[in-house]
Protein backbone atom coordinates (compact mmCIF):
# COMPACT_ATOMS: atom_id res chain seq x y z
CA MET A 1 26.09 -22.14 -2.77
CA GLN A 2 28.86 -19.74 -3.73
CA ALA A 3 30.03 -22.30 -6.30
CA TYR A 4 26.52 -22.50 -7.74
CA LEU A 5 26.25 -18.70 -8.06
CA THR A 6 29.69 -18.50 -9.69
CA ALA A 7 28.70 -21.25 -12.13
CA CYS A 8 25.61 -19.25 -13.06
CA GLU A 9 27.64 -16.06 -13.55
CA THR A 10 30.20 -17.74 -15.79
CA GLY A 11 27.64 -19.67 -17.79
CA VAL A 12 28.93 -23.06 -16.64
CA TRP A 13 25.51 -23.90 -15.19
CA ILE A 14 22.58 -23.27 -17.56
CA PRO A 15 19.96 -25.84 -16.49
CA LYS A 16 17.13 -24.51 -18.67
CA GLY A 17 19.27 -23.54 -21.62
CA LYS A 18 19.09 -19.84 -20.76
CA ARG A 19 21.77 -17.95 -18.87
CA LYS A 20 20.56 -16.07 -15.81
CA LYS A 21 20.51 -12.29 -15.94
CA ASP A 22 23.07 -10.40 -13.88
CA GLN A 23 20.23 -8.76 -11.97
CA THR A 24 18.81 -12.18 -11.04
CA ILE A 25 22.18 -13.44 -9.81
CA LYS A 26 22.69 -10.26 -7.80
CA ALA A 27 19.30 -10.78 -6.15
CA GLU A 28 20.14 -14.43 -5.40
CA ARG A 29 23.45 -13.43 -3.82
CA ALA A 30 21.65 -10.91 -1.62
CA LEU A 31 19.07 -13.55 -0.69
CA TYR A 32 21.83 -16.00 0.25
CA GLU A 33 23.73 -13.47 2.34
CA ARG A 34 20.63 -12.30 4.19
CA HIS A 35 18.62 -15.46 4.77
CA ILE A 36 20.64 -18.62 4.05
CA LYS A 37 24.34 -18.11 4.78
CA LYS A 38 23.99 -17.97 8.56
CA GLU A 39 22.38 -21.42 8.72
CA PHE A 40 23.93 -23.25 5.78
CA GLY A 41 27.06 -21.29 4.84
CA ARG A 42 29.58 -23.41 6.75
CA ARG A 43 27.78 -26.76 6.74
CA PRO A 44 28.77 -29.65 4.44
CA LEU A 45 26.07 -30.35 1.86
CA GLY A 46 25.68 -33.89 3.13
CA GLU A 47 24.56 -32.60 6.53
CA ILE A 48 21.69 -30.53 5.14
CA GLY A 49 18.50 -32.53 4.81
CA ARG A 50 14.80 -31.93 4.39
CA PRO A 51 14.18 -31.08 8.08
CA GLU A 52 16.85 -28.34 8.01
CA ILE A 53 15.51 -26.87 4.76
CA LYS A 54 11.95 -26.83 6.07
CA ALA A 55 13.05 -25.28 9.35
CA LEU A 56 14.86 -22.45 7.55
CA THR A 57 12.12 -21.57 5.06
CA ARG A 58 9.29 -21.95 7.57
CA GLY A 59 11.25 -19.78 9.98
CA LEU A 60 11.31 -17.03 7.36
CA LEU A 61 7.58 -17.44 6.84
CA ALA A 62 6.99 -17.18 10.59
CA MET A 63 8.72 -13.79 10.54
CA GLY A 64 6.30 -12.56 7.88
CA ILE A 65 8.77 -13.06 5.00
CA THR A 66 6.44 -14.70 2.50
CA THR A 67 7.69 -14.25 -1.06
CA GLN A 68 11.34 -14.35 0.00
CA SER A 69 10.75 -17.63 1.84
CA ASN A 70 9.62 -19.11 -1.48
CA HIS A 71 12.62 -17.61 -3.25
CA ALA A 72 14.96 -19.06 -0.61
CA HIS A 73 13.32 -22.45 -1.08
CA ALA A 74 13.81 -22.23 -4.86
CA LEU A 75 17.45 -21.12 -4.53
CA ILE A 76 18.27 -23.99 -2.16
CA ARG A 77 16.61 -26.46 -4.53
CA GLN A 78 18.54 -25.14 -7.54
CA THR A 79 21.82 -25.22 -5.61
CA PHE A 80 21.33 -28.88 -4.68
CA SER A 81 20.43 -29.71 -8.28
CA TYR A 82 23.76 -28.21 -9.32
CA ALA A 83 25.53 -30.22 -6.60
CA VAL A 84 23.93 -33.45 -7.87
CA GLU A 85 25.04 -32.65 -11.43
CA GLU A 86 28.59 -32.02 -10.19
CA GLU A 87 28.48 -35.36 -8.30
CA LEU A 88 29.02 -33.66 -4.94
CA ILE A 89 25.92 -35.34 -3.51
CA GLU A 90 23.64 -38.10 -4.77
CA ILE A 91 20.18 -36.82 -3.84
CA ASN A 92 18.58 -33.37 -3.87
CA PRO A 93 16.82 -33.16 -0.48
CA ALA A 94 14.80 -30.11 -1.56
CA LEU A 95 13.00 -31.92 -4.38
CA GLY A 96 9.33 -32.48 -3.64
CA LEU A 97 9.22 -29.98 -0.79
CA ALA A 98 6.27 -27.62 -1.14
CA SER A 99 6.94 -23.90 -1.16
CA PRO A 100 6.48 -22.54 2.38
CA SER A 101 4.16 -19.72 1.35
CA PRO A 102 1.00 -20.66 -0.61
CA LYS A 103 1.14 -19.63 -4.25
CA ASN A 104 -2.36 -18.19 -4.06
CA ALA A 105 -1.03 -15.55 -1.64
CA ARG A 106 -0.18 -13.54 -4.76
CA GLU A 107 -3.92 -13.17 -5.43
CA ARG A 108 -4.47 -11.27 -2.18
CA ILE A 109 -6.67 -8.18 -2.50
CA LEU A 110 -7.28 -6.20 0.69
CA THR A 111 -10.83 -5.17 1.51
CA ASP A 112 -11.77 -1.61 2.46
CA GLU A 113 -11.97 -2.61 6.12
CA GLU A 114 -8.52 -4.22 5.94
CA LEU A 115 -7.06 -1.13 4.28
CA LYS A 116 -8.57 1.00 7.02
CA ALA A 117 -7.10 -1.22 9.75
CA VAL A 118 -3.67 -1.29 8.09
CA TRP A 119 -3.54 2.49 7.61
CA LYS A 120 -4.66 3.16 11.19
CA THR A 121 -2.05 0.77 12.55
CA LEU A 122 0.76 2.25 10.45
CA LYS A 123 -0.03 5.71 11.82
CA ALA A 124 0.18 4.48 15.44
CA PRO A 125 1.65 0.94 15.58
CA GLU A 126 2.47 1.21 19.28
CA ALA A 127 -1.28 1.31 20.03
CA VAL A 128 -1.65 -2.27 18.73
CA LYS A 129 -0.52 -5.28 20.74
CA ASP A 130 1.12 -8.32 19.17
CA LYS A 131 0.23 -11.91 20.12
CA SER A 132 2.53 -11.69 23.16
CA GLY A 133 0.82 -8.55 24.41
CA ASN A 134 3.69 -6.25 23.49
CA PRO A 135 3.28 -3.01 21.53
CA LEU A 136 3.77 -3.52 17.79
CA LEU A 137 7.21 -2.26 16.81
CA ILE A 138 7.32 -0.63 13.38
CA SER A 139 9.78 2.22 12.85
CA LYS A 140 8.52 5.57 11.63
CA GLY A 141 10.52 5.23 8.43
CA VAL A 142 9.07 1.82 7.59
CA SER A 143 5.57 3.05 8.49
CA ILE A 144 5.92 5.97 6.07
CA ALA A 145 7.40 3.73 3.37
CA LEU A 146 4.45 1.32 3.58
CA ARG A 147 1.87 4.09 3.46
CA LEU A 148 3.71 5.57 0.49
CA ALA A 149 3.69 2.14 -1.18
CA ALA A 150 -0.08 1.99 -0.69
CA LEU A 151 -0.53 5.43 -2.27
CA ILE A 152 1.77 5.30 -5.29
CA LEU A 153 1.73 1.51 -5.94
CA GLN A 154 5.42 1.11 -6.70
CA ARG A 155 7.57 -1.90 -5.84
CA ARG A 156 8.87 -2.26 -2.28
CA ALA A 157 12.53 -2.46 -3.35
CA GLU A 158 12.22 0.72 -5.41
CA ILE A 159 10.63 2.59 -2.50
CA ALA A 160 13.10 1.28 0.09
CA THR A 161 16.04 2.40 -2.06
CA MET A 162 14.57 5.78 -3.06
CA ARG A 163 17.27 8.45 -3.31
CA VAL A 164 16.92 12.12 -2.43
CA ASP A 165 18.24 13.26 -5.82
CA GLU A 166 15.51 11.28 -7.60
CA VAL A 167 12.72 13.35 -6.06
CA ASP A 168 11.58 16.73 -7.36
CA LEU A 169 9.63 18.19 -4.46
CA ASP A 170 8.62 21.28 -6.43
CA GLN A 171 7.11 19.32 -9.32
CA GLY A 172 5.90 16.44 -7.18
CA VAL A 173 7.65 13.75 -9.22
CA TRP A 174 9.89 10.82 -8.33
CA LEU A 175 12.09 9.55 -11.16
CA ILE A 176 13.15 5.91 -10.79
CA PRO A 177 16.27 5.45 -12.96
CA MET A 178 16.55 2.46 -15.26
CA ASP A 179 19.31 0.83 -13.20
CA ARG A 180 16.96 0.58 -10.21
CA ALA A 181 13.69 -0.19 -11.96
CA LYS A 182 12.85 -3.90 -12.03
CA ASN A 183 12.22 -3.91 -15.76
CA GLY A 184 15.21 -1.69 -16.59
CA ARG A 185 13.00 1.17 -17.79
CA SER A 186 13.14 4.66 -16.27
CA HIS A 187 9.87 5.57 -14.64
CA ALA A 188 8.48 8.96 -13.60
CA VAL A 189 6.09 8.55 -10.68
CA PRO A 190 3.73 11.47 -9.95
CA LEU A 191 3.44 12.30 -6.25
CA PRO A 192 -0.07 13.53 -5.39
CA PRO A 193 -0.40 15.74 -2.26
CA ALA A 194 -0.54 13.08 0.48
CA ALA A 195 2.24 11.02 -1.13
CA LEU A 196 4.42 14.11 -1.50
CA GLN A 197 3.86 14.95 2.18
CA LEU A 198 4.94 11.44 3.20
CA VAL A 199 8.19 11.88 1.28
CA LYS A 200 8.76 15.19 3.08
CA ASP A 201 8.00 13.51 6.41
CA ALA A 202 10.57 10.82 5.65
CA LEU A 203 13.19 13.42 4.74
CA ALA A 204 12.54 15.22 8.02
CA LEU A 205 13.26 12.03 9.98
CA ARG A 206 16.84 11.77 8.80
CA SER A 207 19.36 12.67 11.51
CA LYS A 208 22.09 13.10 8.91
CA LYS A 209 20.76 15.47 6.28
CA LYS A 210 23.55 14.45 3.91
CA SER A 211 22.28 10.89 3.62
CA PRO A 212 21.53 10.21 -0.06
CA PHE A 213 18.52 8.06 0.84
CA VAL A 214 14.95 9.08 1.61
CA PHE A 215 14.64 6.02 3.86
CA PRO A 216 18.11 5.55 5.39
CA SER A 217 18.82 2.61 7.68
CA PRO A 218 19.53 3.77 11.24
CA ARG A 219 21.50 0.57 11.81
CA SER A 220 24.08 1.64 9.24
CA GLY A 221 24.44 5.16 10.53
CA GLU A 222 22.21 6.18 7.61
CA THR A 223 24.94 5.36 5.08
CA THR A 224 22.62 2.94 3.29
CA HIS A 225 18.88 2.49 2.83
CA ILE A 226 16.42 0.34 4.76
CA HIS A 227 16.21 -3.20 3.41
CA PRO A 228 13.11 -4.05 1.34
CA ASP A 229 12.56 -7.07 3.60
CA ALA A 230 11.90 -4.64 6.47
CA LEU A 231 8.66 -3.62 4.74
CA THR A 232 7.63 -7.24 4.26
CA ARG A 233 8.42 -8.18 7.86
CA ALA A 234 6.51 -5.17 9.18
CA MET A 235 3.46 -6.13 7.11
CA GLY A 236 3.66 -9.70 8.39
CA HIS A 237 3.89 -8.65 12.04
CA MET A 238 1.06 -6.17 11.57
CA MET A 239 -1.34 -8.57 9.86
CA ARG A 240 -0.76 -11.16 12.59
CA ALA A 241 -1.31 -8.59 15.32
CA LEU A 242 -4.55 -7.53 13.63
CA ASP A 243 -5.56 -11.18 13.19
CA LEU A 244 -5.93 -10.67 9.44
CA PRO A 245 -4.84 -12.97 6.58
CA LEU A 246 -1.20 -12.40 5.67
CA ALA A 247 -0.44 -9.68 3.15
CA GLY A 248 2.74 -7.98 1.97
CA PRO A 249 3.75 -4.76 0.23
CA HIS A 250 3.07 -6.29 -3.19
CA ASP A 251 -0.50 -6.99 -2.10
CA LEU A 252 -0.96 -3.27 -1.44
CA ARG A 253 0.25 -2.65 -4.99
CA ARG A 254 -2.10 -5.29 -6.40
CA THR A 255 -5.03 -3.95 -4.40
CA GLY A 256 -4.55 -0.40 -5.67
CA ALA A 257 -4.08 -1.57 -9.26
CA THR A 258 -7.24 -3.67 -9.05
CA ILE A 259 -9.32 -0.79 -7.73
CA LEU A 260 -7.86 1.59 -10.33
CA ALA A 261 -9.13 -0.66 -13.11
CA SER A 262 -12.45 -1.40 -11.40
CA GLU A 263 -15.72 0.46 -11.89
CA ARG A 264 -14.89 2.50 -8.80
CA LEU A 265 -12.28 4.51 -10.72
CA GLY A 266 -12.45 3.19 -14.28
CA VAL A 267 -8.82 3.73 -15.29
CA THR A 268 -7.92 1.92 -18.52
CA PRO A 269 -5.69 -1.18 -18.21
CA PHE A 270 -3.05 0.49 -20.36
CA ILE A 271 -2.71 3.48 -18.02
CA VAL A 272 -2.71 1.16 -15.00
CA SER A 273 0.26 -0.60 -16.61
CA GLN A 274 1.96 2.75 -17.09
CA VAL A 275 1.41 3.59 -13.42
CA LEU A 276 2.90 0.23 -12.37
CA ASN A 277 5.76 0.50 -14.89
CA HIS A 278 4.90 -2.84 -16.42
CA VAL A 279 6.38 -3.74 -19.78
CA THR A 280 3.56 -3.21 -22.26
CA ASP A 281 3.13 -2.18 -25.86
CA ALA A 282 4.35 1.29 -26.81
CA GLY A 283 0.86 2.71 -27.09
CA GLY A 284 1.38 3.41 -30.77
CA GLY A 285 4.97 4.65 -30.48
CA SER A 286 8.27 2.87 -30.94
CA ALA A 287 9.89 1.05 -28.02
CA THR A 288 13.13 2.97 -28.62
CA THR A 289 11.37 6.32 -28.27
CA ARG A 290 9.63 5.18 -25.10
CA ARG A 291 12.83 3.84 -23.55
CA HIS A 292 15.21 6.69 -24.29
CA TYR A 293 13.13 9.83 -24.66
CA ASN A 294 9.68 9.48 -23.15
CA VAL A 295 10.77 9.21 -19.53
CA HIS A 296 7.63 11.12 -18.54
CA HIS A 297 5.46 8.93 -20.79
CA TYR A 298 1.74 9.48 -20.08
CA ALA A 299 2.61 11.78 -17.16
CA THR A 300 -0.76 13.55 -17.18
CA GLU A 301 -2.74 10.31 -17.25
CA LYS A 302 -0.57 8.72 -14.55
CA ARG A 303 -0.98 11.74 -12.27
CA ALA A 304 -4.76 11.73 -12.78
CA ALA A 305 -4.92 8.01 -11.98
CA LEU A 306 -2.77 8.21 -8.84
CA THR A 307 -4.58 11.34 -7.64
CA ALA A 308 -7.93 9.58 -8.00
CA TRP A 309 -6.58 6.54 -6.16
CA GLU A 310 -5.10 8.68 -3.38
CA GLU A 311 -8.39 10.49 -2.83
CA LEU A 312 -10.33 7.22 -2.74
CA LEU A 313 -7.85 5.49 -0.43
CA LEU A 314 -7.89 8.43 2.00
CA GLU A 315 -11.69 8.25 1.99
CA ILE A 316 -11.56 4.49 2.62
CA VAL A 317 -9.20 4.82 5.59
CA GLY A 318 -11.12 7.75 7.06
CA VAL A 319 -8.60 10.53 6.52
CA LYS A 320 -10.99 12.31 4.17
CA LYS A 321 -14.77 12.44 4.38
CA ARG A 322 -16.42 10.23 1.80
CA LYS A 323 -18.13 12.14 -0.97
CA SER A 324 -21.88 11.83 -0.92
CA ASN A 325 -23.69 10.90 -4.13
CA VAL A 326 -26.96 12.22 -2.71
CA THR A 327 -28.06 15.65 -3.94
CA PRO A 328 -29.82 17.52 -1.10
CA MET A 329 -33.27 18.86 -1.95
CA GLN A 330 -33.63 22.61 -2.00
CA ARG A 331 -35.88 24.20 0.59
CA GLY A 332 -39.37 24.54 -0.68
CA ALA A 333 -39.06 21.77 -3.23
CA ALA A 334 -42.11 19.55 -3.53
């Protein structure tokens, strides 16, 4: 697999006529190191067949790693295709194998009751028992990160790698730099009150106050951040313990975005895209201006949208009392 990744980096292997981006290759290397190398790293290609591939990817799925199990499946398939082209093997054993996680999982929208159950569990995971009868183990840092993901609707990798110097606690803004944003575009994320408090709670958990990360990994002595997969695994374990259909951090993002654009909140699709930092049109301005100067593009509208979503979500999960749409009659009225 190392030979395949090197071939992609150097441009020797361009199966679809388009060279892979450096960011994509970096992600594939990380995927290989984390999920594939241990099982396949030292094995001859000829010894790896369909049963071994299915066992690896289904094992990831069993741990609650849904999207990454599909990515691992795709990377293994591409690597074997390269090996066939280089005449190292004759047959690609991964061809025809279905992705371990159903594609329609990306359509998952959590209901209000599911959101309530998830939020309650994240606040006190030890009160929930897993299928073996043991208390659910989710660290405080991961619990905060997932609740923050539900509130501000940003990508799991961006939240997991959040740095202290990116957050302005006084202004309530988190600035994701372009080198960490998925689309390469700097993104200012407003932090409404509950989201801002979660960031402060995460900072208070750090044992080493000099750690540059808001969510440092305790396993590394807080010298690096928690891995994004930790959020996905925690969601998987939690949904199984609650006996709910599987959902991941991206499903929290999709759920919030869907409700933002629904009649419940009525935020325009364009502003929803701005909140999510999707690549869209420039809203009437040039792309160059947006990319280099308007870091806080649509800041007021984004803050209004995320504040409205935060208030609704906290009502849904029972943290805030739902607003009544019934006007009480005045005493003496007929």
